[in-house]
Amino acid sequence: MTIRSQTEIVNNINTDLADNNAGLISASDVRENMKDIAESINVIVGSGNFDSLTPFVGSNVRAKISNNQYGFFVAESGIKFPNNGNTTQYVAYPGAGGISHTGIADLNVGNPHTQYVHVAGYNKLTGNFAASDKWLNASGNVDLLSTTMNNHGIKFEYISTDREVVHVGSGLGVKGTSVKFDIDGSNFNSAKGIAQAWIKFQGTSGNIVVNSSYNVSSIQQSGAGYYVVYFSNGTFTDSNYVAVGNSNSTTGSGSPQDFDLNTVGIVTRTKDYLTFVVRNDNGEYVNARVNDLVVFGNTSGVTASSSPTIVNI
């Protein structure tokens, strides 16, 4: 009994088991060839070297379906891939849903996930950053109930498809989060010091010309040198704003001499409008060519500042 190749077995069968007409086939011929087949079958099947068409020839080894049931290929000794001699698999692949992320090797080595913002600062944002209602601050603390970082940093609030609000945190102290400009060291932590409304206009009788304005919805002339300036809806929460007016009190504006002594009076004040009156040094109300108005105050929804200390003489 000898382990032989498939070709050798076929050749021996053709030689030893000739046509029976001559009576040349012995029991030994049959027995020896059958023993060779039994001895060689595992080697032939396991070698992958096949000389003729068999169910195993091709690029795949299959466990055929029998009685509508799938069979299994059992790899009791593991699997080794010829294109990488160091890769040997002894454990079954658990499937995409069965792999534990924490069980993957080298998770914390180098920078394997360049699509993420790395905690060590390796990567940078290259597009929009969705922050929902969380605070962005240097500590990385997003807990709105935190006793140490509550309302520190900035926060983005979505209002509608055409409006959103960027919140600058108040912090736990008096100053909270402030905006600082490195170019000159200046900073601010409130927008109250910014003018909430202003207008520059020409007061020609019957032909008012607005040169520029902000948060002014309309202006009307009620007489010579008498104007009513209406603010945009919701600009001020009350009439306790500070209004500063100026006028050249003359119809000219071509030279520094186009100026007359005058008084600008901010007479009537409501949260919605004020009156702007120009009177020259002779007590006459005049339509001046150059008129300026700037208004500071609390806008709707703004917390009023505490009153300063009063010292009486």
Protein backbone atom coordinates (compact mmCIF):
# COMPACT_ATOMS: atom_id res chain seq x y z
CA MET A 1 0.00 0.00 0.00
CA THR A 2 1.51 3.26 -1.18
CA ILE A 3 0.39 6.88 -1.19
CA ARG A 4 0.08 7.78 -4.83
CA SER A 5 -1.07 10.74 -6.88
CA GLN A 6 -4.40 10.74 -8.64
CA THR A 7 -2.64 10.25 -11.99
CA GLU A 8 -0.66 7.26 -10.72
CA ILE A 9 -3.80 5.58 -9.34
CA VAL A 10 -5.64 6.01 -12.64
CA ASN A 11 -2.68 4.65 -14.62
CA ASN A 12 -2.32 1.60 -12.33
CA ILE A 13 -6.02 0.83 -12.62
CA ASN A 14 -5.78 0.94 -16.41
CA THR A 15 -2.71 -1.34 -16.31
CA ASP A 16 -3.67 -3.86 -13.60
CA LEU A 17 -7.38 -4.10 -14.26
CA ALA A 18 -7.36 -4.78 -17.96
CA ASP A 19 -10.34 -6.11 -19.91
CA ASN A 20 -11.43 -9.39 -18.32
CA ASN A 21 -11.59 -11.27 -21.66
CA ALA A 22 -8.03 -12.43 -21.19
CA GLY A 23 -8.56 -13.57 -17.59
CA LEU A 24 -5.50 -11.65 -16.42
CA ILE A 25 -7.05 -9.79 -13.39
CA SER A 26 -6.11 -11.20 -10.02
CA ALA A 27 -7.55 -10.50 -6.55
CA SER A 28 -4.22 -8.86 -5.68
CA ASP A 29 -4.56 -6.41 -8.54
CA VAL A 30 -7.95 -5.23 -7.25
CA ARG A 31 -6.93 -5.26 -3.60
CA GLU A 32 -3.69 -3.29 -4.07
CA ASN A 33 -5.34 -0.60 -6.15
CA MET A 34 -8.19 -0.23 -3.63
CA LYS A 35 -5.67 0.04 -0.79
CA ASP A 36 -3.74 2.71 -2.72
CA ILE A 37 -6.98 4.66 -3.17
CA ALA A 38 -7.83 4.43 0.55
CA GLU A 39 -4.34 5.49 1.54
CA SER A 40 -4.10 8.37 -0.93
CA ILE A 41 -7.58 9.96 -0.79
CA ASN A 42 -6.90 12.32 2.13
CA VAL A 43 -3.65 13.50 0.59
CA ILE A 44 -5.21 14.03 -2.80
CA VAL A 45 -8.20 15.96 -1.44
CA GLY A 46 -6.08 17.95 1.02
CA SER A 47 -3.34 18.88 -1.45
CA GLY A 48 -5.48 21.03 -3.69
CA ASN A 49 -3.67 19.61 -6.75
CA PHE A 50 -6.27 18.09 -9.05
CA ASP A 51 -5.65 16.82 -12.53
CA SER A 52 -9.26 16.59 -13.74
CA LEU A 53 -12.66 18.14 -13.08
CA THR A 54 -13.93 17.45 -9.58
CA PRO A 55 -16.39 19.27 -7.27
CA PHE A 56 -13.37 20.87 -5.55
CA VAL A 57 -11.68 22.38 -8.59
CA GLY A 58 -11.93 26.19 -8.67
CA SER A 59 -11.27 29.13 -6.38
CA ASN A 60 -13.73 28.18 -3.64
CA VAL A 61 -14.23 25.22 -1.33
CA ARG A 62 -17.91 24.84 -0.55
CA ALA A 63 -20.01 22.98 1.98
CA LYS A 64 -22.92 21.92 -0.21
CA ILE A 65 -26.55 22.37 0.73
CA SER A 66 -28.27 19.15 1.70
CA ASN A 67 -32.02 18.89 2.35
CA ASN A 68 -32.30 22.69 2.33
CA GLN A 69 -29.79 22.90 5.19
CA TYR A 70 -26.40 24.58 4.97
CA GLY A 71 -23.35 22.56 5.78
CA PHE A 72 -20.25 23.86 7.53
CA PHE A 73 -16.58 24.01 6.83
CA VAL A 74 -14.91 23.20 10.17
CA ALA A 75 -11.40 24.64 10.55
CA GLU A 76 -10.22 22.90 13.72
CA SER A 77 -6.58 23.84 13.15
CA GLY A 78 -7.11 27.48 12.23
CA ILE A 79 -6.69 29.44 9.01
CA LYS A 80 -3.46 30.83 7.60
CA PHE A 81 -3.43 33.22 4.64
CA PRO A 82 -0.59 32.74 2.13
CA ASN A 83 -0.33 36.47 1.30
CA ASN A 84 0.58 37.21 4.93
CA GLY A 85 2.41 34.41 6.69
CA ASN A 86 2.06 36.13 10.06
CA THR A 87 -1.73 36.19 9.92
CA THR A 88 -3.14 33.05 11.47
CA GLN A 89 -6.73 32.95 12.69
CA TYR A 90 -7.78 30.57 15.43
CA VAL A 91 -10.89 32.42 16.64
CA ALA A 92 -14.09 32.68 14.62
CA TYR A 93 -15.02 36.06 13.14
CA PRO A 94 -17.90 37.30 15.36
CA GLY A 95 -19.57 39.37 12.64
CA ALA A 96 -19.79 43.17 12.25
CA GLY A 97 -22.21 43.43 15.16
CA GLY A 98 -20.10 41.31 17.48
CA ILE A 99 -16.80 43.24 17.46
CA SER A 100 -16.13 45.24 20.63
CA HIS A 101 -14.54 48.59 19.82
CA THR A 102 -12.53 48.57 23.05
CA GLY A 103 -11.12 45.18 22.09
CA ILE A 104 -9.41 46.49 18.93
CA ALA A 105 -5.62 46.71 19.19
CA ASP A 106 -3.70 50.03 19.20
CA LEU A 107 -6.75 52.24 19.80
CA ASN A 108 -4.68 54.84 21.63
CA VAL A 109 -1.54 54.65 19.53
CA GLY A 110 -0.76 57.59 17.26
CA ASN A 111 -3.62 59.29 15.43
CA PRO A 112 -5.63 56.47 13.80
CA HIS A 113 -8.90 58.42 13.36
CA THR A 114 -8.05 61.56 11.38
CA GLN A 115 -11.73 62.23 10.72
CA TYR A 116 -12.27 63.03 14.43
CA VAL A 117 -11.13 65.97 16.55
CA HIS A 118 -8.41 64.36 18.67
CA VAL A 119 -8.27 65.02 22.41
CA ALA A 120 -4.55 65.76 22.08
CA GLY A 121 -5.20 68.43 19.43
CA TYR A 122 -3.77 66.51 16.45
CA ASN A 123 -6.64 67.37 14.12
CA LYS A 124 -8.56 70.57 13.48
CA LEU A 125 -12.12 71.39 12.43
CA THR A 126 -12.45 71.83 8.67
CA GLY A 127 -16.22 72.34 8.46
CA ASN A 128 -19.32 73.25 10.45
CA PHE A 129 -19.40 72.18 14.09
CA ALA A 130 -22.83 71.27 15.48
CA ALA A 131 -22.95 72.27 19.15
CA SER A 132 -26.69 72.11 19.90
CA ASP A 133 -27.31 73.84 23.27
CA LYS A 134 -23.90 73.01 24.81
CA TRP A 135 -21.32 75.52 26.02
CA LEU A 136 -17.94 75.59 24.30
CA ASN A 137 -15.19 76.55 26.73
CA ALA A 138 -11.52 75.99 27.48
CA SER A 139 -12.26 73.37 30.14
CA GLY A 140 -14.36 71.26 27.78
CA ASN A 141 -17.09 71.17 30.44
CA VAL A 142 -20.55 71.08 28.79
CA ASP A 143 -22.56 70.41 31.95
CA LEU A 144 -25.01 73.29 32.31
CA LEU A 145 -25.44 72.39 35.98
CA SER A 146 -21.72 72.48 36.72
CA THR A 147 -20.77 74.52 39.79
CA THR A 148 -17.43 75.53 38.31
CA MET A 149 -17.97 76.06 34.57
CA ASN A 150 -21.67 76.95 34.32
CA ASN A 151 -22.29 79.45 31.47
CA HIS A 152 -18.60 79.83 30.60
CA GLY A 153 -17.65 80.23 26.92
CA ILE A 154 -20.00 80.51 23.96
CA LYS A 155 -23.15 78.67 22.94
CA PHE A 156 -25.08 78.48 19.66
CA GLU A 157 -28.88 78.64 19.69
CA TYR A 158 -30.93 77.76 16.61
CA ILE A 159 -34.01 80.00 16.29
CA SER A 160 -35.25 79.38 12.75
CA THR A 161 -33.98 78.73 9.22
CA ASP A 162 -32.97 82.40 8.86
CA ARG A 163 -31.93 83.24 12.42
CA GLU A 164 -29.63 81.96 15.14
CA VAL A 165 -28.09 83.45 18.29
CA VAL A 166 -24.52 83.15 19.62
CA HIS A 167 -24.58 83.38 23.44
CA VAL A 168 -21.55 84.71 25.35
CA GLY A 169 -21.62 83.15 28.80
CA SER A 170 -22.18 85.10 32.00
CA GLY A 171 -20.13 82.71 34.16
CA LEU A 172 -20.51 82.66 37.92
CA GLY A 173 -18.69 85.91 38.58
CA VAL A 174 -19.35 89.54 37.70
CA LYS A 175 -17.42 89.64 34.44
CA GLY A 176 -18.15 86.19 33.04
CA THR A 177 -16.93 85.56 29.50
CA SER A 178 -15.61 88.59 27.63
CA VAL A 179 -14.41 89.25 24.08
CA LYS A 180 -10.80 90.45 23.91
CA PHE A 181 -8.99 91.91 20.90
CA ASP A 182 -5.31 91.01 20.88
CA ILE A 183 -4.45 93.82 18.48
CA ASP A 184 -4.82 96.42 21.25
CA GLY A 185 -5.79 94.53 24.41
CA SER A 186 -9.31 96.00 24.50
CA ASN A 187 -12.24 93.86 25.59
CA PHE A 188 -15.94 94.04 26.36
CA ASN A 189 -18.42 91.80 28.14
CA SER A 190 -21.60 93.67 27.23
CA ALA A 191 -23.08 95.36 24.15
CA LYS A 192 -24.85 98.03 26.19
CA GLY A 193 -22.19 100.58 25.25
CA ILE A 194 -23.04 100.25 21.57
CA ALA A 195 -25.44 102.76 20.03
CA GLN A 196 -28.80 101.08 19.47
CA ALA A 197 -30.10 103.68 16.99
CA TRP A 198 -28.72 106.57 14.97
CA ILE A 199 -29.56 108.74 11.99
CA LYS A 200 -27.98 111.47 9.85
CA PHE A 201 -30.43 113.50 7.78
CA GLN A 202 -30.98 116.74 5.86
CA GLY A 203 -33.90 118.74 7.23
CA THR A 204 -34.90 120.68 4.11
CA SER A 205 -38.57 121.69 4.37
CA GLY A 206 -40.82 119.22 2.57
CA ASN A 207 -37.86 117.19 1.36
CA ILE A 208 -36.11 115.29 4.15
CA VAL A 209 -33.12 113.28 2.94
CA VAL A 210 -31.74 110.47 5.12
CA ASN A 211 -28.02 110.00 4.53
CA SER A 212 -27.63 106.98 6.82
CA SER A 213 -29.44 105.35 9.73
CA TYR A 214 -29.72 102.31 11.98
CA ASN A 215 -32.79 100.99 13.81
CA VAL A 216 -34.85 103.97 12.62
CA SER A 217 -38.08 102.97 10.93
CA SER A 218 -39.22 106.44 9.79
CA ILE A 219 -38.82 110.21 10.26
CA GLN A 220 -41.44 112.87 9.74
CA GLN A 221 -41.34 116.69 9.78
CA SER A 222 -44.01 118.39 11.87
CA GLY A 223 -42.84 121.94 11.19
CA ALA A 224 -39.72 123.99 10.60
CA GLY A 225 -36.92 122.48 12.62
CA TYR A 226 -39.28 119.96 14.24
CA TYR A 227 -38.86 116.24 13.51
CA VAL A 228 -40.28 113.00 14.91
CA VAL A 229 -37.90 110.02 14.75
CA TYR A 230 -39.48 106.56 15.05
CA PHE A 231 -37.42 103.55 16.13
CA SER A 232 -37.68 100.06 14.69
CA ASN A 233 -40.11 97.84 16.57
CA GLY A 234 -38.64 96.51 19.84
CA THR A 235 -35.47 98.63 19.74
CA PHE A 236 -35.88 99.99 23.30
CA THR A 237 -37.55 98.53 26.34
CA ASP A 238 -38.50 101.96 27.79
CA SER A 239 -37.87 105.71 27.36
CA ASN A 240 -34.88 105.86 29.73
CA TYR A 241 -32.36 105.97 26.91
CA VAL A 242 -29.61 108.54 26.31
CA ALA A 243 -30.04 110.61 23.15
CA VAL A 244 -27.34 112.89 21.74
CA GLY A 245 -28.26 115.35 18.99
CA ASN A 246 -26.34 117.83 16.89
CA SER A 247 -27.16 120.23 14.05
CA ASN A 248 -25.38 122.89 11.98
CA SER A 249 -28.59 125.01 12.07
CA THR A 250 -28.09 126.34 8.55
CA THR A 251 -29.07 125.34 5.04
CA GLY A 252 -25.45 125.12 3.84
CA SER A 253 -22.92 122.34 4.30
CA GLY A 254 -20.12 123.13 1.89
CA SER A 255 -17.53 124.55 4.28
CA PRO A 256 -16.61 124.61 7.99
CA GLN A 257 -18.26 128.04 8.19
CA ASP A 258 -21.69 126.61 7.34
CA PHE A 259 -22.68 126.58 11.01
CA ASP A 260 -24.88 128.71 13.27
CA LEU A 261 -25.15 128.69 17.04
CA ASN A 262 -28.12 126.52 17.94
CA THR A 263 -29.78 124.27 20.47
CA VAL A 264 -30.94 120.75 19.71
CA GLY A 265 -33.71 119.63 22.02
CA ILE A 266 -34.75 116.02 22.52
CA VAL A 267 -38.17 116.93 23.88
CA THR A 268 -40.67 114.08 23.81
CA ARG A 269 -39.38 110.56 24.51
CA THR A 270 -41.17 107.19 24.36
CA LYS A 271 -39.79 103.73 23.78
CA ASP A 272 -41.05 103.99 20.18
CA TYR A 273 -40.07 107.55 19.11
CA LEU A 274 -38.59 110.92 20.12
CA THR A 275 -38.84 114.50 18.88
CA PHE A 276 -35.76 116.25 17.49
CA VAL A 277 -36.04 120.07 17.56
CA VAL A 278 -33.50 122.57 16.18
CA ARG A 279 -33.60 126.25 17.24
CA ASN A 280 -30.95 128.86 16.37
CA ASP A 281 -29.44 131.49 18.67
CA ASN A 282 -32.21 133.94 17.71
CA GLY A 283 -34.86 131.57 19.02
CA GLU A 284 -36.05 130.55 15.53
CA TYR A 285 -36.85 126.94 14.57
CA VAL A 286 -34.83 126.13 11.46
CA ASN A 287 -34.52 123.38 8.87
CA ALA A 288 -30.83 122.54 9.06
CA ARG A 289 -28.81 120.85 6.33
CA VAL A 290 -26.81 118.58 8.68
CA ASN A 291 -28.48 116.81 11.62
CA ASP A 292 -27.09 113.95 13.72
CA LEU A 293 -28.80 111.79 16.33
CA VAL A 294 -27.26 108.92 18.34
CA VAL A 295 -29.23 106.95 20.95
CA PHE A 296 -27.89 104.59 23.67
CA GLY A 297 -30.14 102.48 25.88
CA ASN A 298 -31.44 99.09 26.92
CA THR A 299 -32.97 97.09 24.11
CA SER A 300 -35.92 94.79 24.64
CA GLY A 301 -34.95 91.81 26.81
CA VAL A 302 -31.75 93.41 28.15
CA THR A 303 -31.24 93.43 31.92
CA ALA A 304 -30.98 96.98 33.25
CA SER A 305 -27.79 97.98 35.04
CA SER A 306 -27.85 98.72 38.76
CA SER A 307 -28.05 102.39 39.72
CA PRO A 308 -24.78 104.17 40.54
CA THR A 309 -24.07 105.51 44.02
CA ILE A 310 -25.42 109.03 44.55
CA VAL A 311 -23.31 111.47 46.60
CA ASN A 312 -25.11 114.69 47.58
CA ILE A 313 -23.20 117.89 48.41
